[in-house]
PDB file of N, CA and C in Angstrom:
ATOM      1  N   MET A   1     -15.636 -27.136  10.660  1.00  0.00           N
ATOM      2  CA  MET A   1     -15.473 -25.860  11.007  1.00  0.00           C
ATOM      3  C   MET A   1     -14.659 -25.874  11.775  1.00  0.00           C
ATOM      4  N   SER A   2     -13.432 -24.649  11.669  1.00  0.00           N
ATOM      5  CA  SER A   2     -12.421 -24.140  11.799  1.00  0.00           C
ATOM      6  C   SER A   2     -12.805 -23.241  12.530  1.00  0.00           C
ATOM      7  N   SER A   3     -12.900 -22.926  13.774  1.00  0.00           N
ATOM      8  CA  SER A   3     -13.054 -21.564  14.343  1.00  0.00           C
ATOM      9  C   SER A   3     -11.573 -20.911  14.361  1.00  0.00           C
ATOM     10  N   GLY A   4     -10.263 -21.462  14.367  1.00  0.00           N
ATOM     11  CA  GLY A   4      -9.242 -20.934  14.725  1.00  0.00           C
ATOM     12  C   GLY A   4      -8.240 -20.474  13.148  1.00  0.00           C
ATOM     13  N   SER A   5      -9.739 -19.090  12.808  1.00  0.00           N
ATOM     14  CA  SER A   5      -8.643 -18.598  11.173  1.00  0.00           C
ATOM     15  C   SER A   5      -7.733 -17.825  11.395  1.00  0.00           C
ATOM     16  N   SER A   6      -6.699 -18.087  10.894  1.00  0.00           N
ATOM     17  CA  SER A   6      -5.565 -16.690  10.641  1.00  0.00           C
ATOM     18  C   SER A   6      -5.668 -15.443  10.563  1.00  0.00           C
ATOM     19  N   SER A   7      -4.772 -14.807  10.675  1.00  0.00           N
ATOM     20  CA  SER A   7      -4.777 -12.906  11.039  1.00  0.00           C
ATOM     21  C   SER A   7      -5.326 -12.778   9.444  1.00  0.00           C
ATOM     22  N   ARG A   8      -5.035 -13.035   8.249  1.00  0.00           N
ATOM     23  CA  ARG A   8      -5.048 -12.195   6.960  1.00  0.00           C
ATOM     24  C   ARG A   8      -6.722 -12.999   6.573  1.00  0.00           C
ATOM     25  N   SER A   9      -6.357 -11.673   5.289  1.00  0.00           N
ATOM     26  CA  SER A   9      -7.468 -11.490   4.741  1.00  0.00           C
ATOM     27  C   SER A   9      -8.623 -12.399   3.869  1.00  0.00           C
ATOM     28  N   ASP A  10      -9.348 -13.182   4.321  1.00  0.00           N
ATOM     29  CA  ASP A  10      -9.951 -14.200   3.347  1.00  0.00           C
ATOM     30  C   ASP A  10     -10.366 -13.866   1.803  1.00  0.00           C
ATOM     31  N   SER A  11      -9.705 -12.150   1.641  1.00  0.00           N
ATOM     32  CA  SER A  11     -10.219 -12.417  -0.567  1.00  0.00           C
ATOM     33  C   SER A  11      -9.434 -13.141  -0.826  1.00  0.00           C
ATOM     34  N   PRO A  12      -9.879 -13.585  -2.426  1.00  0.00           N
ATOM     35  CA  PRO A  12      -8.672 -14.497  -3.298  1.00  0.00           C
ATOM     36  C   PRO A  12      -8.175 -13.949  -3.422  1.00  0.00           C
ATOM     37  N   SER A  13      -7.638 -13.150  -3.851  1.00  0.00           N
ATOM     38  CA  SER A  13      -6.145 -12.704  -4.162  1.00  0.00           C
ATOM     39  C   SER A  13      -5.159 -12.106  -2.856  1.00  0.00           C
ATOM     40  N   SER A  14      -6.081 -12.767  -1.789  1.00  0.00           N
ATOM     41  CA  SER A  14      -4.989 -12.097  -0.401  1.00  0.00           C
ATOM     42  C   SER A  14      -3.262 -13.036  -0.827  1.00  0.00           C
ATOM     43  N   ASP A  15      -2.939 -11.761  -0.408  1.00  0.00           N
ATOM     44  CA  ASP A  15      -0.784 -12.951   0.112  1.00  0.00           C
ATOM     45  C   ASP A  15       0.103 -13.247  -1.601  1.00  0.00           C
ATOM     46  N   SER A  16      -1.302 -12.912  -2.874  1.00  0.00           N
ATOM     47  CA  SER A  16      -0.942 -13.631  -3.872  1.00  0.00           C
ATOM     48  C   SER A  16      -0.212 -12.036  -4.751  1.00  0.00           C
ATOM     49  N   GLU A  17       0.449 -12.694  -5.988  1.00  0.00           N
ATOM     50  CA  GLU A  17       0.583 -11.206  -7.019  1.00  0.00           C
ATOM     51  C   GLU A  17      -0.642 -10.060  -7.167  1.00  0.00           C
ATOM     52  N   TRP A  18       0.081  -9.965  -7.486  1.00  0.00           N
ATOM     53  CA  TRP A  18      -0.613  -8.257  -7.584  1.00  0.00           C
ATOM     54  C   TRP A  18      -0.469  -8.178  -9.435  1.00  0.00           C
ATOM     55  N   SER A  19      -2.078  -8.690  -8.840  1.00  0.00           N
ATOM     56  CA  SER A  19      -2.269  -8.025 -10.852  1.00  0.00           C
ATOM     57  C   SER A  19      -1.931  -7.013 -11.720  1.00  0.00           C
ATOM     58  N   LYS A  20      -1.731  -6.628 -12.522  1.00  0.00           N
ATOM     59  CA  LYS A  20      -1.426  -5.415 -13.829  1.00  0.00           C
ATOM     60  C   LYS A  20      -2.277  -4.346 -13.183  1.00  0.00           C
ATOM     61  N   LYS A  21      -4.478  -5.161 -12.740  1.00  0.00           N
ATOM     62  CA  LYS A  21      -5.493  -4.201 -12.837  1.00  0.00           C
ATOM     63  C   LYS A  21      -5.063  -4.186 -11.146  1.00  0.00           C
ATOM     64  N   GLU A  22      -4.685  -4.308 -10.287  1.00  0.00           N
ATOM     65  CA  GLU A  22      -4.070  -3.534  -9.555  1.00  0.00           C
ATOM     66  C   GLU A  22      -3.699  -3.644  -8.885  1.00  0.00           C
ATOM     67  N   ASN A  23      -2.616  -3.105  -9.702  1.00  0.00           N
ATOM     68  CA  ASN A  23      -1.127  -2.173  -9.571  1.00  0.00           C
ATOM     69  C   ASN A  23      -2.185  -0.755  -9.554  1.00  0.00           C
ATOM     70  N   LYS A  24      -2.422  -0.620 -11.283  1.00  0.00           N
ATOM     71  CA  LYS A  24      -2.557   0.422 -11.533  1.00  0.00           C
ATOM     72  C   LYS A  24      -4.021   1.661 -10.327  1.00  0.00           C
ATOM     73  N   MET A  25      -4.679   0.088  -9.840  1.00  0.00           N
ATOM     74  CA  MET A  25      -6.118   1.022  -8.935  1.00  0.00           C
ATOM     75  C   MET A  25      -5.084   1.200  -7.628  1.00  0.00           C
ATOM     76  N   PHE A  26      -3.599   0.692  -7.012  1.00  0.00           N
ATOM     77  CA  PHE A  26      -3.403   1.672  -6.516  1.00  0.00           C
ATOM     78  C   PHE A  26      -2.537   2.938  -6.699  1.00  0.00           C
ATOM     79  N   GLU A  27      -1.890   1.803  -8.018  1.00  0.00           N
ATOM     80  CA  GLU A  27      -0.928   3.926  -8.346  1.00  0.00           C
ATOM     81  C   GLU A  27      -2.039   5.587  -8.507  1.00  0.00           C
ATOM     82  N   GLU A  28      -3.181   4.521  -8.976  1.00  0.00           N
ATOM     83  CA  GLU A  28      -3.857   5.446  -9.136  1.00  0.00           C
ATOM     84  C   GLU A  28      -4.176   6.350  -7.088  1.00  0.00           C
ATOM     85  N   ALA A  29      -4.586   5.453  -6.878  1.00  0.00           N
ATOM     86  CA  ALA A  29      -5.543   5.528  -5.461  1.00  0.00           C
ATOM     87  C   ALA A  29      -3.945   6.622  -4.686  1.00  0.00           C
ATOM     88  N   LEU A  30      -3.423   6.703  -5.275  1.00  0.00           N
ATOM     89  CA  LEU A  30      -1.781   6.721  -4.478  1.00  0.00           C
ATOM     90  C   LEU A  30      -1.572   8.323  -5.198  1.00  0.00           C
ATOM     91  N   ALA A  31      -1.667   8.595  -6.476  1.00  0.00           N
ATOM     92  CA  ALA A  31      -1.921   9.507  -7.124  1.00  0.00           C
ATOM     93  C   ALA A  31      -2.497  10.642  -6.567  1.00  0.00           C
ATOM     94  N   TYR A  32      -3.952  10.088  -5.749  1.00  0.00           N
ATOM     95  CA  TYR A  32      -4.796  10.578  -5.290  1.00  0.00           C
ATOM     96  C   TYR A  32      -4.593  10.905  -4.699  1.00  0.00           C
ATOM     97  N   TYR A  33      -4.010  10.570  -3.569  1.00  0.00           N
ATOM     98  CA  TYR A  33      -5.329  11.340  -2.518  1.00  0.00           C
ATOM     99  C   TYR A  33      -3.165  11.644  -1.741  1.00  0.00           C
ATOM    100  N   GLY A  34      -2.272  10.821  -2.492  1.00  0.00           N
ATOM    101  CA  GLY A  34      -0.803  11.127  -2.542  1.00  0.00           C
ATOM    102  C   GLY A  34      -0.242  11.237  -1.248  1.00  0.00           C
ATOM    103  N   VAL A  35       0.866  10.383  -1.103  1.00  0.00           N
ATOM    104  CA  VAL A  35       1.655   9.458  -0.330  1.00  0.00           C
ATOM    105  C   VAL A  35       1.193  10.460   1.172  1.00  0.00           C
ATOM    106  N   GLY A  36       1.904  12.050   1.602  1.00  0.00           N
ATOM    107  CA  GLY A  36       1.319  12.679   3.076  1.00  0.00           C
ATOM    108  C   GLY A  36      -0.187  12.143   3.186  1.00  0.00           C
ATOM    109  N   ALA A  37      -0.700  11.607   2.571  1.00  0.00           N
ATOM    110  CA  ALA A  37      -2.476  12.339   3.293  1.00  0.00           C
ATOM    111  C   ALA A  37      -2.054  10.920   4.769  1.00  0.00           C
ATOM    112  N   PRO A  38      -3.269  11.418   5.329  1.00  0.00           N
ATOM    113  CA  PRO A  38      -3.425  10.569   7.168  1.00  0.00           C
ATOM    114  C   PRO A  38      -3.747   8.861   5.874  1.00  0.00           C
ATOM    115  N   ASN A  39      -3.997   7.837   7.634  1.00  0.00           N
ATOM    116  CA  ASN A  39      -4.799   7.212   6.499  1.00  0.00           C
ATOM    117  C   ASN A  39      -4.692   6.910   5.073  1.00  0.00           C
ATOM    118  N   LEU A  40      -4.071   6.528   4.484  1.00  0.00           N
ATOM    119  CA  LEU A  40      -3.034   6.224   2.911  1.00  0.00           C
ATOM    120  C   LEU A  40      -3.636   5.234   3.092  1.00  0.00           C
ATOM    121  N   CYS A  41      -2.930   4.243   3.205  1.00  0.00           N
ATOM    122  CA  CYS A  41      -3.476   2.498   3.273  1.00  0.00           C
ATOM    123  C   CYS A  41      -4.515   2.166   3.447  1.00  0.00           C
ATOM    124  N   GLU A  42      -5.166   2.980   4.227  1.00  0.00           N
ATOM    125  CA  GLU A  42      -6.635   2.206   4.512  1.00  0.00           C
ATOM    126  C   GLU A  42      -7.592   3.419   3.193  1.00  0.00           C
ATOM    127  N   LYS A  43      -7.218   4.757   2.687  1.00  0.00           N
ATOM    128  CA  LYS A  43      -7.754   4.883   2.005  1.00  0.00           C
ATOM    129  C   LYS A  43      -8.283   3.950   0.257  1.00  0.00           C
ATOM    130  N   VAL A  44      -5.970   3.981   0.616  1.00  0.00           N
ATOM    131  CA  VAL A  44      -5.991   3.131  -0.545  1.00  0.00           C
ATOM    132  C   VAL A  44      -6.923   1.800  -0.987  1.00  0.00           C
ATOM    133  N   THR A  45      -7.141   0.928   0.068  1.00  0.00           N
ATOM    134  CA  THR A  45      -7.734  -0.180  -0.160  1.00  0.00           C
ATOM    135  C   THR A  45      -9.107  -0.221  -0.595  1.00  0.00           C
ATOM    136  N   SER A  46      -9.274   1.159   0.755  1.00  0.00           N
ATOM    137  CA  SER A  46     -10.693   1.492   0.708  1.00  0.00           C
ATOM    138  C   SER A  46     -11.450   1.698  -1.483  1.00  0.00           C
ATOM    139  N   ALA A  47     -10.335   3.281  -2.669  1.00  0.00           N
ATOM    140  CA  ALA A  47      -9.482   2.881  -2.803  1.00  0.00           C
ATOM    141  C   ALA A  47     -10.400   1.651  -3.962  1.00  0.00           C
ATOM    142  N   MET A  48      -9.860   0.652  -4.103  1.00  0.00           N
ATOM    143  CA  MET A  48      -9.497  -0.819  -4.668  1.00  0.00           C
ATOM    144  C   MET A  48      -9.917  -1.499  -4.820  1.00  0.00           C
ATOM    145  N   GLY A  49     -11.599  -0.925  -3.269  1.00  0.00           N
ATOM    146  CA  GLY A  49     -12.507  -1.819  -3.446  1.00  0.00           C
ATOM    147  C   GLY A  49     -11.926  -3.268  -2.888  1.00  0.00           C
ATOM    148  N   GLY A  50     -11.504  -3.477  -1.719  1.00  0.00           N
ATOM    149  CA  GLY A  50     -11.106  -4.279  -1.078  1.00  0.00           C
ATOM    150  C   GLY A  50     -10.838  -5.722  -1.774  1.00  0.00           C
ATOM    151  N   THR A  51     -10.405  -5.357  -2.603  1.00  0.00           N
ATOM    152  CA  THR A  51      -9.253  -6.598  -3.235  1.00  0.00           C
ATOM    153  C   THR A  51      -7.904  -6.708  -3.025  1.00  0.00           C
ATOM    154  N   LYS A  52      -7.529  -5.948  -1.984  1.00  0.00           N
ATOM    155  CA  LYS A  52      -5.891  -6.578  -1.325  1.00  0.00           C
ATOM    156  C   LYS A  52      -6.629  -5.637   0.693  1.00  0.00           C
ATOM    157  N   SER A  53      -5.608  -6.235   1.578  1.00  0.00           N
ATOM    158  CA  SER A  53      -6.118  -6.256   2.909  1.00  0.00           C
ATOM    159  C   SER A  53      -4.995  -4.777   3.031  1.00  0.00           C
ATOM    160  N   THR A  54      -5.844  -3.873   4.354  1.00  0.00           N
ATOM    161  CA  THR A  54      -4.512  -2.789   4.506  1.00  0.00           C
ATOM    162  C   THR A  54      -3.338  -3.147   4.718  1.00  0.00           C
ATOM    163  N   GLU A  55      -3.535  -3.757   5.888  1.00  0.00           N
ATOM    164  CA  GLU A  55      -2.022  -4.692   5.138  1.00  0.00           C
ATOM    165  C   GLU A  55      -0.581  -4.926   4.254  1.00  0.00           C
ATOM    166  N   GLU A  56      -1.093  -6.025   3.706  1.00  0.00           N
ATOM    167  CA  GLU A  56      -0.886  -6.467   2.153  1.00  0.00           C
ATOM    168  C   GLU A  56      -0.986  -4.690   1.841  1.00  0.00           C
ATOM    169  N   VAL A  57      -1.247  -3.420   1.028  1.00  0.00           N
ATOM    170  CA  VAL A  57      -1.086  -2.055   1.180  1.00  0.00           C
ATOM    171  C   VAL A  57      -0.161  -1.751   0.985  1.00  0.00           C
ATOM    172  N   ARG A  58      -0.307  -2.379   2.605  1.00  0.00           N
ATOM    173  CA  ARG A  58       1.187  -1.228   3.175  1.00  0.00           C
ATOM    174  C   ARG A  58       2.330  -2.022   3.460  1.00  0.00           C
ATOM    175  N   ARG A  59       2.216  -3.227   2.738  1.00  0.00           N
ATOM    176  CA  ARG A  59       3.165  -3.595   2.507  1.00  0.00           C
ATOM    177  C   ARG A  59       4.250  -3.435   1.473  1.00  0.00           C
ATOM    178  N   HIS A  60       2.795  -3.593   0.318  1.00  0.00           N
ATOM    179  CA  HIS A  60       2.949  -3.130  -0.940  1.00  0.00           C
ATOM    180  C   HIS A  60       3.520  -1.180  -1.372  1.00  0.00           C
ATOM    181  N   PHE A  61       3.164  -0.181  -0.377  1.00  0.00           N
ATOM    182  CA  PHE A  61       3.697   0.864  -0.463  1.00  0.00           C
ATOM    183  C   PHE A  61       5.104   0.551   0.428  1.00  0.00           C
ATOM    184  N   GLN A  62       5.344  -0.599   1.382  1.00  0.00           N
ATOM    185  CA  GLN A  62       6.476  -0.311   1.914  1.00  0.00           C
ATOM    186  C   GLN A  62       7.482  -0.633   0.602  1.00  0.00           C
ATOM    187  N   PHE A  63       7.713  -2.207  -0.128  1.00  0.00           N
ATOM    188  CA  PHE A  63       8.082  -2.611  -0.793  1.00  0.00           C
ATOM    189  C   PHE A  63       8.310  -1.002  -1.941  1.00  0.00           C
ATOM    190  N   LEU A  64       7.618  -0.285  -2.534  1.00  0.00           N
ATOM    191  CA  LEU A  64       8.024   0.578  -3.686  1.00  0.00           C
ATOM    192  C   LEU A  64       8.730   1.664  -2.943  1.00  0.00           C
ATOM    193  N   VAL A  65       8.197   2.552  -1.884  1.00  0.00           N
ATOM    194  CA  VAL A  65       9.152   3.487  -1.185  1.00  0.00           C
ATOM    195  C   VAL A  65      10.315   2.470  -0.992  1.00  0.00           C
ATOM    196  N   ASP A  66      10.900   1.232  -0.779  1.00  0.00           N
ATOM    197  CA  ASP A  66      11.979   1.105  -0.584  1.00  0.00           C
ATOM    198  C   ASP A  66      12.849   0.940  -1.758  1.00  0.00           C
ATOM    199  N   ASP A  67      12.287   0.687  -2.838  1.00  0.00           N
ATOM    200  CA  ASP A  67      12.426   0.345  -5.238  1.00  0.00           C
ATOM    201  C   ASP A  67      12.551   2.156  -4.757  1.00  0.00           C
ATOM    202  N   VAL A  68      12.289   3.334  -4.337  1.00  0.00           N
ATOM    203  CA  VAL A  68      12.420   3.931  -4.930  1.00  0.00           C
ATOM    204  C   VAL A  68      14.210   4.435  -4.031  1.00  0.00           C
ATOM    205  N   ASN A  69      13.484   4.620  -3.251  1.00  0.00           N
ATOM    206  CA  ASN A  69      14.890   4.869  -2.001  1.00  0.00           C
ATOM    207  C   ASN A  69      16.826   4.400  -2.491  1.00  0.00           C
ATOM    208  N   ASN A  70      16.696   2.897  -3.097  1.00  0.00           N
ATOM    209  CA  ASN A  70      17.532   2.541  -3.404  1.00  0.00           C
ATOM    210  C   ASN A  70      17.869   2.801  -4.958  1.00  0.00           C
ATOM    211  N   ILE A  71      17.094   2.695  -5.593  1.00  0.00           N
ATOM    212  CA  ILE A  71      17.289   3.890  -7.182  1.00  0.00           C
ATOM    213  C   ILE A  71      18.164   5.196  -7.008  1.00  0.00           C
ATOM    214  N   GLU A  72      17.053   6.169  -5.827  1.00  0.00           N
ATOM    215  CA  GLU A  72      18.147   7.332  -5.677  1.00  0.00           C
ATOM    216  C   GLU A  72      19.372   7.233  -4.795  1.00  0.00           C
ATOM    217  N   HIS A  73      19.687   5.978  -4.527  1.00  0.00           N
ATOM    218  CA  HIS A  73      20.919   6.005  -4.136  1.00  0.00           C
ATOM    219  C   HIS A  73      22.113   5.109  -4.469  1.00  0.00           C
ATOM    220  N   GLY A  74      21.416   4.526  -6.379  1.00  0.00           N
ATOM    221  CA  GLY A  74      22.782   4.464  -6.984  1.00  0.00           C
ATOM    222  C   GLY A  74      23.260   2.415  -6.194  1.00  0.00           C
ATOM    223  N   ARG A  75      21.798   1.943  -5.658  1.00  0.00           N
ATOM    224  CA  ARG A  75      22.157   0.504  -5.249  1.00  0.00           C
ATOM    225  C   ARG A  75      21.300  -0.607  -6.735  1.00  0.00           C
ATOM    226  N   ILE A  76      20.554   0.460  -7.413  1.00  0.00           N
ATOM    227  CA  ILE A  76      20.015  -0.551  -8.801  1.00  0.00           C
ATOM    228  C   ILE A  76      20.420   0.325  -9.900  1.00  0.00           C
ATOM    229  N   PRO A  77      21.289  -0.189 -10.706  1.00  0.00           N
ATOM    230  CA  PRO A  77      21.522   0.733 -12.340  1.00  0.00           C
ATOM    231  C   PRO A  77      20.115   0.224 -12.763  1.00  0.00           C
ATOM    232  N   PHE A  78      20.364   1.520 -13.816  1.00  0.00           N
ATOM    233  CA  PHE A  78      18.889   1.556 -14.241  1.00  0.00           C
ATOM    234  C   PHE A  78      19.723   0.844 -15.486  1.00  0.00           C
ATOM    235  N   PRO A  79      18.498   0.382 -16.654  1.00  0.00           N
ATOM    236  CA  PRO A  79      18.911  -0.730 -17.335  1.00  0.00           C
ATOM    237  C   PRO A  79      19.620   0.130 -19.057  1.00  0.00           C
ATOM    238  N   LYS A  80      20.006  -0.723 -19.078  1.00  0.00           N
ATOM    239  CA  LYS A  80      20.103   0.152 -19.935  1.00  0.00           C
ATOM    240  C   LYS A  80      19.729  -0.091 -21.844  1.00  0.00           C
ATOM    241  N   TYR A  81      18.419   1.026 -22.535  1.00  0.00           N
ATOM    242  CA  TYR A  81      17.886   1.194 -22.960  1.00  0.00           C
ATOM    243  C   TYR A  81      18.207   1.154 -24.583  1.00  0.00           C
ATOM    244  N   LYS A  82      17.919  -0.067 -25.823  1.00  0.00           N
ATOM    245  CA  LYS A  82      18.408   1.079 -26.929  1.00  0.00           C
ATOM    246  C   LYS A  82      17.293   1.699 -27.292  1.00  0.00           C
ATOM    247  N   THR A  83      17.537   2.674 -27.709  1.00  0.00           N
ATOM    248  CA  THR A  83      16.687   3.820 -28.401  1.00  0.00           C
ATOM    249  C   THR A  83      17.113   4.042 -29.451  1.00  0.00           C
ATOM    250  N   GLN A  84      15.976   4.299 -29.977  1.00  0.00           N
ATOM    251  CA  GLN A  84      15.554   4.473 -31.304  1.00  0.00           C
ATOM    252  C   GLN A  84      15.279   5.625 -32.263  1.00  0.00           C
ATOM    253  N   GLY A  85      15.720   5.835 -32.719  1.00  0.00           N
ATOM    254  CA  GLY A  85      15.294   7.391 -33.269  1.00  0.00           C
ATOM    255  C   GLY A  85      16.475   8.619 -34.030  1.00  0.00           C
ATOM    256  N   PHE A  86      16.692   9.777 -34.211  1.00  0.00           N
ATOM    257  CA  PHE A  86      17.137  10.554 -35.219  1.00  0.00           C
ATOM    258  C   PHE A  86      18.183  11.332 -33.730  1.00  0.00           C
ATOM    259  N   TRP A  87      18.101  10.898 -32.282  1.00  0.00           N
ATOM    260  CA  TRP A  87      18.587  11.255 -31.554  1.00  0.00           C
ATOM    261  C   TRP A  87      20.089  10.248 -30.599  1.00  0.00           C
ATOM    262  N   THR A  88      19.669   8.985 -31.762  1.00  0.00           N
ATOM    263  CA  THR A  88      20.389   8.128 -31.219  1.00  0.00           C
ATOM    264  C   THR A  88      22.144   8.043 -32.317  1.00  0.00           C
TER     265      THR A  88
END
């Protein structure tokens, strides 16, 4: 047995892609607690039932913030959607 475990979470989905279910839980927890809540990442981690570590939640949140900032500053172009209906 190795006693030199890393500091990463031993959760099965640790450092993996986030599933649709995990993303939904993440989004719902953010909406519930609000972005300015104290200890937000810890609360979101708890609300997700431990499927991700607090550090993974923190990184995922930072990616979200970065994406929103890039969109708001015009660094990411809006997709050109094909619309259908009477307004086209």
